[in-house]
Protein backbone atom coordinates (compact mmCIF):
# COMPACT_ATOMS: atom_id res chain seq x y z
CA MET A 1 4.37 32.63 -14.69
CA LYS A 2 0.95 32.16 -16.27
CA GLN A 3 -1.58 30.60 -13.88
CA THR A 4 -3.48 27.54 -15.06
CA ASN A 5 -7.24 27.39 -14.90
CA TRP A 6 -7.25 23.59 -15.14
CA THR A 7 -7.80 22.34 -11.63
CA CYS A 8 -6.70 18.83 -12.56
CA LEU A 9 -3.33 19.97 -13.82
CA HIS A 10 -1.69 19.73 -10.40
CA THR A 11 -2.44 16.01 -10.34
CA VAL A 12 -2.27 15.38 -14.05
CA THR A 13 0.58 12.91 -13.77
CA LYS A 14 -1.68 10.56 -11.84
CA LEU A 15 -3.23 8.44 -14.54
CA GLY A 16 -6.37 7.72 -12.57
CA VAL A 17 -7.17 11.42 -12.22
CA PHE A 18 -6.25 12.19 -15.79
CA TYR A 19 -8.30 9.29 -17.12
CA ASN A 20 -11.32 11.04 -15.59
CA VAL A 21 -10.53 14.07 -17.77
CA CYS A 22 -10.67 11.81 -20.82
CA LEU A 23 -14.00 10.34 -19.70
CA GLN A 24 -15.37 13.86 -19.28
CA ALA A 25 -14.13 14.70 -22.78
CA LYS A 26 -15.98 11.67 -24.14
CA THR A 27 -19.15 12.84 -22.41
CA VAL A 28 -18.71 16.36 -23.82
CA THR A 29 -18.34 14.88 -27.28
CA SER A 30 -21.46 12.76 -26.95
CA CYS A 31 -23.45 15.88 -26.05
CA ALA A 32 -21.88 18.45 -28.34
CA LEU A 33 -20.81 16.66 -31.51
CA LEU A 34 -24.01 15.15 -32.83
CA GLY A 35 -23.81 16.08 -36.51
CA GLY A 36 -24.49 13.48 -39.16
CA ASN A 37 -20.76 13.02 -39.76
CA GLY A 38 -20.00 12.43 -36.07
CA LEU A 39 -18.09 15.69 -35.82
CA GLY A 40 -20.87 18.17 -36.23
CA TYR A 41 -20.32 21.47 -37.97
CA SER A 42 -18.98 23.54 -35.09
CA ILE A 43 -15.23 23.98 -34.65
CA PRO A 44 -13.96 23.11 -31.15
CA LYS A 45 -13.34 26.14 -28.96
CA THR A 46 -11.96 24.48 -25.83
CA PRO A 47 -9.12 22.00 -25.24
CA VAL A 48 -11.53 19.35 -23.91
CA THR A 49 -13.85 19.44 -26.95
CA LEU A 50 -10.86 19.56 -29.29
CA MET A 51 -9.20 16.53 -27.73
CA ALA A 52 -12.52 14.69 -27.63
CA ALA A 53 -12.92 15.12 -31.39
CA VAL A 54 -9.28 14.21 -31.98
CA TYR A 55 -9.41 11.03 -29.89
CA ARG A 56 -12.79 9.77 -31.07
CA LYS A 57 -12.66 10.65 -34.78
CA ILE A 58 -9.44 12.18 -36.09
CA PHE A 59 -6.85 9.77 -34.70
CA PRO A 60 -8.77 6.57 -35.60
CA ALA A 61 -9.32 7.84 -39.16
CA VAL A 62 -5.63 8.72 -39.52
CA HIS A 63 -4.58 5.27 -38.30
CA LYS A 64 -6.86 3.64 -40.89
CA GLU A 65 -5.41 5.74 -43.69
CA LEU A 66 -1.86 5.00 -42.56
CA ALA A 67 -2.62 1.29 -42.28
CA TYR A 68 -3.67 1.36 -45.93
CA TRP A 69 -0.50 3.14 -47.08
CA GLN A 70 1.63 0.91 -44.89
CA GLU A 71 0.16 -2.13 -46.62
CA ARG A 72 0.87 -0.51 -49.99
CA ALA A 73 4.45 0.24 -48.92
CA GLN A 74 5.00 -3.39 -47.98
CA GLN A 75 4.30 -4.30 -51.62
CA ILE A 76 7.02 -2.02 -53.08
CA PRO A 77 9.34 -4.24 -55.16
CA ASP A 78 12.59 -2.33 -54.60
CA ASN A 79 14.15 -3.10 -51.21
CA GLU A 80 15.54 0.39 -50.54
CA LEU A 81 12.35 2.20 -51.54
CA ARG A 82 10.25 -0.24 -49.52
CA ASN A 83 12.44 0.16 -46.43
CA GLN A 84 12.33 3.97 -46.59
CA ALA A 85 8.57 4.07 -47.20
CA LEU A 86 7.90 1.80 -44.22
CA ALA A 87 10.39 3.62 -42.00
CA SER A 88 8.83 6.99 -42.79
CA ILE A 89 5.37 5.79 -41.76
CA GLU A 90 6.60 4.07 -38.63
CA SER A 91 8.84 6.85 -37.32
CA LYS A 92 6.88 9.90 -38.49
CA ARG A 93 3.30 8.79 -37.89
CA PHE A 94 2.76 11.67 -35.47
CA HIS A 95 3.22 14.17 -38.34
CA CYS A 96 -0.03 12.89 -39.84
CA LEU A 97 -1.73 12.74 -36.44
CA GLY A 98 -0.87 16.37 -35.73
CA GLY A 99 -1.65 17.68 -39.22
CA ALA A 100 -5.02 15.94 -39.38
CA VAL A 101 -6.48 18.26 -36.72
CA TYR A 102 -7.09 20.71 -39.57
CA ALA A 103 -9.79 18.36 -40.87
CA LEU A 104 -11.97 19.92 -38.17
CA LEU A 105 -12.14 23.03 -40.39
CA SER A 106 -13.76 21.00 -43.20
CA GLY A 107 -17.23 20.45 -41.74
CA TYR A 108 -18.97 17.35 -43.07
CA ARG A 109 -16.05 16.77 -45.52
CA TRP A 110 -13.60 16.04 -42.70
CA GLN A 111 -12.86 12.54 -43.99
CA GLU A 112 -11.80 13.92 -47.38
CA ALA A 113 -9.52 16.33 -45.56
CA ILE A 114 -7.92 13.52 -43.57
CA ARG A 115 -7.38 11.46 -46.69
CA PHE A 116 -5.59 14.39 -48.35
CA ILE A 117 -3.57 15.34 -45.27
CA VAL A 118 -2.35 11.79 -44.66
CA ALA A 119 -1.45 11.25 -48.31
CA TYR A 120 0.35 14.59 -48.69
CA GLN A 121 2.22 14.27 -45.39
CA THR A 122 3.19 10.70 -46.29
CA ILE A 123 4.71 11.98 -49.54
CA SER A 124 6.62 14.60 -47.55
CA ASP A 125 7.93 12.11 -44.97
CA TYR A 126 8.80 9.47 -47.58
CA LEU A 127 10.76 11.92 -49.73
CA ASP A 128 12.51 13.31 -46.67
CA ASN A 129 13.68 9.80 -45.84
CA LEU A 130 14.83 9.19 -49.40
CA CYS A 131 16.85 12.42 -49.34
CA ASP A 132 18.25 11.90 -45.82
CA ARG A 133 19.37 8.36 -46.68
CA SER A 134 19.99 9.13 -50.32
CA THR A 135 22.21 7.03 -52.55
CA SER A 136 22.98 10.31 -54.38
CA MET A 137 23.63 13.93 -53.45
CA ASP A 138 22.41 15.26 -56.77
CA PRO A 139 20.20 18.38 -56.45
CA GLY A 140 18.55 17.39 -59.72
CA ASP A 141 17.48 14.12 -58.10
CA PHE A 142 15.98 15.94 -55.12
CA GLN A 143 14.15 18.40 -57.38
CA GLN A 144 12.69 15.55 -59.43
CA LEU A 145 11.54 13.69 -56.32
CA HIS A 146 9.79 16.77 -54.97
CA GLN A 147 8.01 17.36 -58.25
CA ALA A 148 5.61 14.83 -56.71
CA MET A 149 4.61 17.41 -54.09
CA THR A 150 3.98 20.01 -56.80
CA ASP A 151 1.90 17.59 -58.84
CA ALA A 152 -0.06 16.49 -55.75
CA LEU A 153 -1.39 20.04 -55.35
CA SER A 154 -2.55 20.22 -58.98
CA GLN A 155 -5.88 19.08 -60.34
CA GLY A 156 -4.34 16.94 -63.03
CA ASN A 157 -0.62 17.32 -63.71
CA PRO A 158 0.54 14.13 -65.41
CA ILE A 159 2.38 11.61 -63.25
CA LYS A 160 6.12 11.68 -63.87
CA ASN A 161 9.02 9.36 -63.23
CA TYR A 162 9.97 10.93 -59.91
CA TYR A 163 12.91 8.52 -59.57
CA ALA A 164 14.42 9.48 -62.93
CA PHE A 165 17.80 10.50 -61.50
CA ARG A 166 18.37 7.63 -59.10
CA HIS A 167 19.14 3.95 -59.36
CA GLU A 168 16.07 2.76 -57.42
CA GLN A 169 13.00 2.88 -59.67
CA ARG A 170 10.42 0.18 -58.93
CA ASP A 171 7.95 1.30 -56.25
CA GLY A 172 4.82 -0.41 -57.57
CA GLU A 173 3.13 2.97 -58.24
CA TYR A 174 3.31 3.81 -54.52
CA LEU A 175 4.38 7.45 -54.91
CA ALA A 176 2.20 7.95 -57.99
CA ASP A 177 -0.88 6.73 -56.12
CA LEU A 178 -0.16 9.07 -53.22
CA VAL A 179 -0.05 11.92 -55.74
CA ARG A 180 -3.28 10.75 -57.41
CA THR A 181 -5.04 10.62 -54.03
CA CYS A 182 -4.15 14.27 -53.39
CA GLN A 183 -5.13 15.32 -56.91
CA LYS A 184 -8.54 13.74 -56.44
CA THR A 185 -9.14 16.09 -53.53
CA MET A 186 -7.88 19.09 -55.52
CA ARG A 187 -10.41 18.34 -58.28
CA LYS A 188 -13.24 18.48 -55.74
CA LEU A 189 -12.38 21.96 -54.42
CA ASP A 190 -14.91 24.54 -55.62
CA ASN A 191 -12.57 27.44 -54.88
CA TYR A 192 -9.35 25.80 -55.99
CA ALA A 193 -8.53 28.82 -58.17
CA ILE A 194 -8.37 31.03 -55.08
CA ILE A 195 -5.82 28.93 -53.20
CA THR A 196 -3.67 27.46 -55.98
CA GLY A 197 -1.20 30.38 -55.98
CA TYR A 198 -0.86 30.27 -52.19
CA LEU A 199 -0.40 26.50 -52.24
CA SER A 200 2.33 26.92 -54.86
CA GLN A 201 4.06 29.60 -52.76
CA LEU A 202 4.24 27.38 -49.67
CA GLU A 203 5.12 24.23 -51.60
CA THR A 204 7.92 25.96 -53.50
CA LEU A 205 9.49 27.09 -50.23
CA TYR A 206 9.23 23.56 -48.91
CA SER A 207 10.73 21.87 -51.96
CA ASP A 208 13.54 24.43 -52.28
CA LEU A 209 14.48 23.77 -48.67
CA GLN A 210 14.60 20.02 -49.23
CA VAL A 211 16.95 20.44 -52.17
CA HIS A 212 19.34 22.85 -50.44
CA LYS A 213 19.58 20.94 -47.16
CA HIS A 214 20.32 17.56 -48.73
CA VAL A 215 23.12 18.39 -51.18
CA ARG A 216 26.79 17.77 -50.35
CA TRP A 217 27.76 18.88 -46.85
CA ASP A 218 30.27 21.45 -48.11
CA GLU A 219 27.53 23.17 -50.17
CA ARG A 220 24.53 23.07 -47.81
CA ILE A 221 25.07 26.09 -45.59
CA SER A 222 26.21 28.40 -48.38
CA ARG A 223 23.19 27.39 -50.49
CA LEU A 224 20.77 27.87 -47.58
CA LYS A 225 22.20 31.29 -46.72
CA ALA A 226 22.07 32.43 -50.35
CA TRP A 227 18.47 31.17 -50.64
CA PHE A 228 17.55 33.09 -47.48
CA ARG A 229 19.05 36.32 -48.86
CA ASP A 230 17.17 35.82 -52.12
CA ARG A 231 13.75 34.93 -50.66
CA ALA A 232 13.54 36.87 -47.38
CA SER A 233 13.10 40.63 -47.18
CA ALA A 234 15.66 42.77 -45.39
CA SER A 235 13.16 43.35 -42.56
CA THR A 236 12.55 39.64 -41.89
CA PRO A 237 13.26 39.21 -38.14
CA LEU A 238 14.72 35.72 -38.59
CA TYR A 239 18.06 34.00 -38.83
CA TRP A 240 18.66 31.99 -41.99
CA TYR A 241 18.13 28.68 -40.17
CA GLU A 242 14.81 29.90 -38.72
CA PHE A 243 13.57 30.91 -42.17
CA ALA A 244 14.58 27.48 -43.44
CA ALA A 245 12.66 25.82 -40.60
CA ALA A 246 9.53 27.87 -41.36
CA ALA A 247 9.71 26.75 -45.00
CA GLY A 248 9.71 23.12 -43.91
CA SER A 249 6.16 22.93 -42.57
CA THR A 250 3.01 21.74 -44.35
CA LEU A 251 0.55 23.28 -41.85
CA GLY A 252 -0.37 26.26 -44.02
CA ILE A 253 -1.21 23.92 -46.91
CA PHE A 254 -3.42 21.76 -44.70
CA CYS A 255 -5.22 24.83 -43.38
CA LEU A 256 -5.91 26.23 -46.86
CA VAL A 257 -7.21 22.92 -48.22
CA SER A 258 -9.37 22.22 -45.16
CA TYR A 259 -11.03 25.63 -45.18
CA THR A 260 -11.69 25.22 -48.91
CA LEU A 261 -13.25 21.78 -48.39
CA GLY A 262 -15.46 23.35 -45.72
CA GLY A 263 -16.72 25.99 -48.17
CA ARG A 264 -15.29 28.95 -46.23
CA MET A 265 -12.53 30.10 -48.56
CA ASN A 266 -12.19 33.48 -50.24
CA GLU A 267 -9.23 35.63 -51.30
CA ASN A 268 -9.10 37.47 -47.98
CA VAL A 269 -9.08 34.25 -45.93
CA ALA A 270 -6.37 32.68 -48.11
CA GLY A 271 -4.07 35.66 -47.67
CA GLN A 272 -4.68 35.77 -43.92
CA VAL A 273 -3.87 32.07 -43.55
CA VAL A 274 -0.51 32.40 -45.28
CA ASP A 275 0.37 35.58 -43.41
CA SER A 276 -0.61 33.99 -40.08
CA TYR A 277 1.16 30.68 -40.61
CA PHE A 278 4.37 31.78 -42.32
CA PRO A 279 6.84 32.23 -40.81
CA PHE A 280 6.02 32.01 -37.08
CA MET A 281 3.39 29.25 -36.75
CA GLN A 282 5.20 27.05 -39.24
CA GLY A 283 8.55 28.08 -37.81
CA ILE A 284 7.92 26.96 -34.22
CA HIS A 285 6.40 23.75 -35.59
CA ILE A 286 9.55 22.71 -37.41
CA LEU A 287 12.00 24.14 -34.88
CA LEU A 288 10.42 21.88 -32.26
CA ASP A 289 10.58 18.98 -34.70
CA TYR A 290 14.31 19.58 -35.11
CA TYR A 291 14.68 20.12 -31.37
CA ILE A 292 13.43 16.67 -30.38
CA ASP A 293 15.48 15.03 -33.18
CA GLN A 294 18.83 16.48 -32.15
CA GLU A 295 20.31 13.24 -30.81
CA GLU A 296 19.00 11.19 -33.71
CA ASP A 297 20.36 13.68 -36.25
CA ARG A 298 23.72 13.74 -34.47
CA ARG A 299 23.96 9.94 -34.68
CA GLU A 300 22.90 9.87 -38.33
CA GLY A 301 24.98 12.89 -39.37
CA ASP A 302 21.92 14.88 -40.54
CA LEU A 303 21.60 18.65 -40.66
CA ASN A 304 19.78 20.09 -37.63
CA PHE A 305 18.95 23.80 -37.49
CA CYS A 306 18.95 23.90 -33.69
CA ASN A 307 22.73 23.44 -33.79
CA TYR A 308 23.16 26.95 -35.19
CA TYR A 309 21.88 28.85 -32.17
CA GLU A 310 24.61 30.56 -30.17
CA SER A 311 23.68 28.76 -26.98
CA HIS A 312 20.97 26.80 -25.22
CA ALA A 313 19.74 30.06 -23.66
CA HIS A 314 19.61 31.75 -27.09
CA MET A 315 17.56 28.88 -28.51
CA LYS A 316 15.11 29.04 -25.59
CA GLU A 317 14.75 32.82 -26.02
CA ARG A 318 14.05 32.48 -29.76
CA PHE A 319 11.56 29.63 -29.28
CA ASN A 320 9.64 31.81 -26.82
CA TYR A 321 9.75 34.66 -29.35
CA PHE A 322 8.24 32.40 -32.03
CA ILE A 323 5.48 31.32 -29.62
CA ARG A 324 4.56 34.94 -28.83
CA GLN A 325 4.63 35.99 -32.49
CA ALA A 326 2.52 33.02 -33.59
CA ASP A 327 -0.07 33.93 -30.94
CA ARG A 328 -0.17 37.49 -32.24
CA HIS A 329 -0.41 36.60 -35.92
CA VAL A 330 -3.28 34.10 -35.60
CA GLN A 331 -5.47 36.80 -34.05
CA GLN A 332 -6.39 38.00 -37.55
CA LEU A 333 -7.87 34.63 -38.51
CA MET A 334 -11.46 33.52 -38.22
CA ASP A 335 -11.64 30.70 -35.67
CA ARG A 336 -8.61 32.27 -34.02
CA GLN A 337 -9.23 30.37 -30.79
CA PHE A 338 -8.93 27.10 -32.72
CA HIS A 339 -5.67 28.17 -34.37
CA LYS A 340 -4.25 29.31 -31.05
CA MET A 341 -5.15 25.95 -29.52
CA VAL A 342 -3.48 24.13 -32.41
CA HIS A 343 -0.37 26.29 -31.96
CA HIS A 344 -0.19 25.52 -28.24
CA GLY A 345 -1.11 21.92 -28.92
CA LEU A 346 1.94 21.57 -31.17
CA VAL A 347 4.14 22.81 -28.33
CA GLY A 348 2.61 20.25 -25.99
CA LEU A 349 2.76 17.48 -28.62
CA TYR A 350 6.45 17.84 -29.39
CA LEU A 351 7.58 18.41 -25.82
CA GLY A 352 5.67 15.28 -24.78
CA ASP A 353 7.89 13.13 -26.98
CA PRO A 354 10.07 10.66 -25.01
CA LYS A 355 13.10 11.84 -27.01
CA VAL A 356 13.11 15.09 -25.01
CA LYS A 357 14.47 13.15 -22.04
CA GLU A 358 17.65 12.40 -24.01
CA LEU A 359 18.42 16.08 -24.64
CA TYR A 360 20.75 18.36 -22.73
CA GLU A 361 18.57 20.38 -20.32
CA GLY A 362 15.51 18.95 -22.07
CA MET A 363 13.23 19.41 -19.08
CA ASP A 364 14.43 23.00 -18.63
CA ILE A 365 13.32 24.05 -22.10
CA THR A 366 10.13 21.98 -21.78
CA ASN A 367 9.13 23.81 -18.62
CA ALA A 368 10.06 27.20 -20.08
CA LEU A 369 8.04 26.74 -23.28
CA LEU A 370 5.04 25.29 -21.46
CA ARG A 371 5.07 28.31 -19.15
CA GLU A 372 5.19 30.65 -22.14
CA SER A 373 2.37 28.79 -23.90
CA GLY A 374 0.15 28.54 -20.84
CA SER A 375 -2.30 25.99 -19.50
CA THR A 376 -3.61 24.87 -22.91
CA ALA A 377 -0.18 23.61 -23.97
CA SER A 378 0.21 21.79 -20.65
CA PHE A 379 -3.17 20.16 -21.12
CA PHE A 380 -2.21 18.86 -24.57
CA HIS A 381 1.24 17.88 -23.32
CA TRP A 382 -0.18 15.46 -20.75
CA ASN A 383 -2.96 14.29 -23.07
CA VAL A 384 -0.37 13.25 -25.62
CA LYS A 385 1.68 11.44 -23.00
CA LEU A 386 -1.42 9.53 -21.90
CA TYR A 387 -2.43 8.78 -25.49
CA HIS A 388 0.93 7.25 -26.33
CA TRP A 389 0.83 5.25 -23.08
CA ILE A 390 -2.60 3.84 -24.00
CA ARG A 391 -1.42 3.02 -27.54
CA LYS A 392 1.57 1.19 -26.08
CA ILE A 393 -0.70 -0.88 -23.82
CA LYS A 394 -3.15 -1.63 -26.64
CA ALA A 395 -0.29 -2.78 -28.88
CA ARG A 396 0.34 -5.59 -26.42
CA LEU A 397 -3.23 -6.87 -26.72
CA PRO A 398 -4.09 -9.62 -29.26
CA PHE A 399 -6.39 -7.38 -31.32
CA PRO A 400 -4.29 -5.74 -34.08
CA GLU A 401 -5.79 -3.09 -36.31
CA LYS A 402 -6.79 -4.45 -39.72
CA ALA A 403 -5.43 -2.53 -42.67
CA GLY A 404 -8.37 -3.71 -44.75
CA ASP A 405 -10.80 -1.78 -42.56
CA ARG A 406 -9.61 1.42 -44.23
CA GLU A 407 -10.86 0.43 -47.66
CA SER A 408 -14.34 -0.39 -46.44
CA SER A 409 -14.57 2.85 -44.44
CA ARG A 410 -13.21 5.36 -46.90
CA GLY A 411 -15.55 5.09 -49.90
CA ASP A 412 -15.03 7.61 -52.65
CA GLY A 413 -15.35 10.70 -50.42
């Protein structure tokens, strides 16, 4: 077992002790993050400074962006589209919270990065809801919907009718405006030409997955297996469902865009990012996402890749393998300590979700993966638990967040 070097970890479940950790983090931030943008230009190298930046800047900015898009979603004319847009923001908010940590790679342009990350992840979550709860099982419909994600990574592809193959049409320009928000960021990237091919590679994998996994039940597995044979090399050390999971992450895209916003992108960096993130970093990200959603997917009748492992023990063994491989692959990256912290932070984030308690032997796999990931993952695990507890308490207070605050704070970037 890896030994922790966090002396507070033994008493971390005591909120009074752990609150002191948060106060120390705030003090660290006040001393170390004094750049004109409030985040400075240095990338956090320790869990305390990372969480300080996340709590004080990243999370509040994400909530403001989401409040704006939530208000827009409430204005969607079509009932089904409105319900799915609102549900995707409400139930998948943590996707944006987790992805937005990459804004720390963007230097003084961190707010632009957050605006892009929230908009792009909101497209992803909204379309996933539309496909999961689809009124059709037409692969052409799913391809047309996900053209929005392709267009969002362009500097000016024309907006299309992304609902062309479905009955529901009237969304009040909600999806189109999400795409336009992303395109605005793409137009501001000085080295866009370097990353556009890599963005397309990752986005194509993502969109292909969404099509194959949402068609008729009797076609899904055969399509996914055939896609795996076509896209993966013979030496790929993955099962078909693990390859599919790795394709379903947006982390590599967020990393590429954030580094480019920060002015640190070149051809070598772009290639290293993709090689480091796909398949292992992205794979453990989405496998954990599926892991915590097992009960929900069972109730809703949705495809869940964790169901294809031979046993609980096999799944635990493979998750640990992904963690070790992700650690090894990020070593080639600049800021490798940051990427390793993000990797371990994802483990802590997902395993801190209350849904884990509903799962068969949920605490067993939580303890095993936290041991494999070490003290950093445990630190983030308990931070996330505390954060959600504080948010729950604040939600009961008569001071709701104002969606309008986002407009006044965002400017034109």
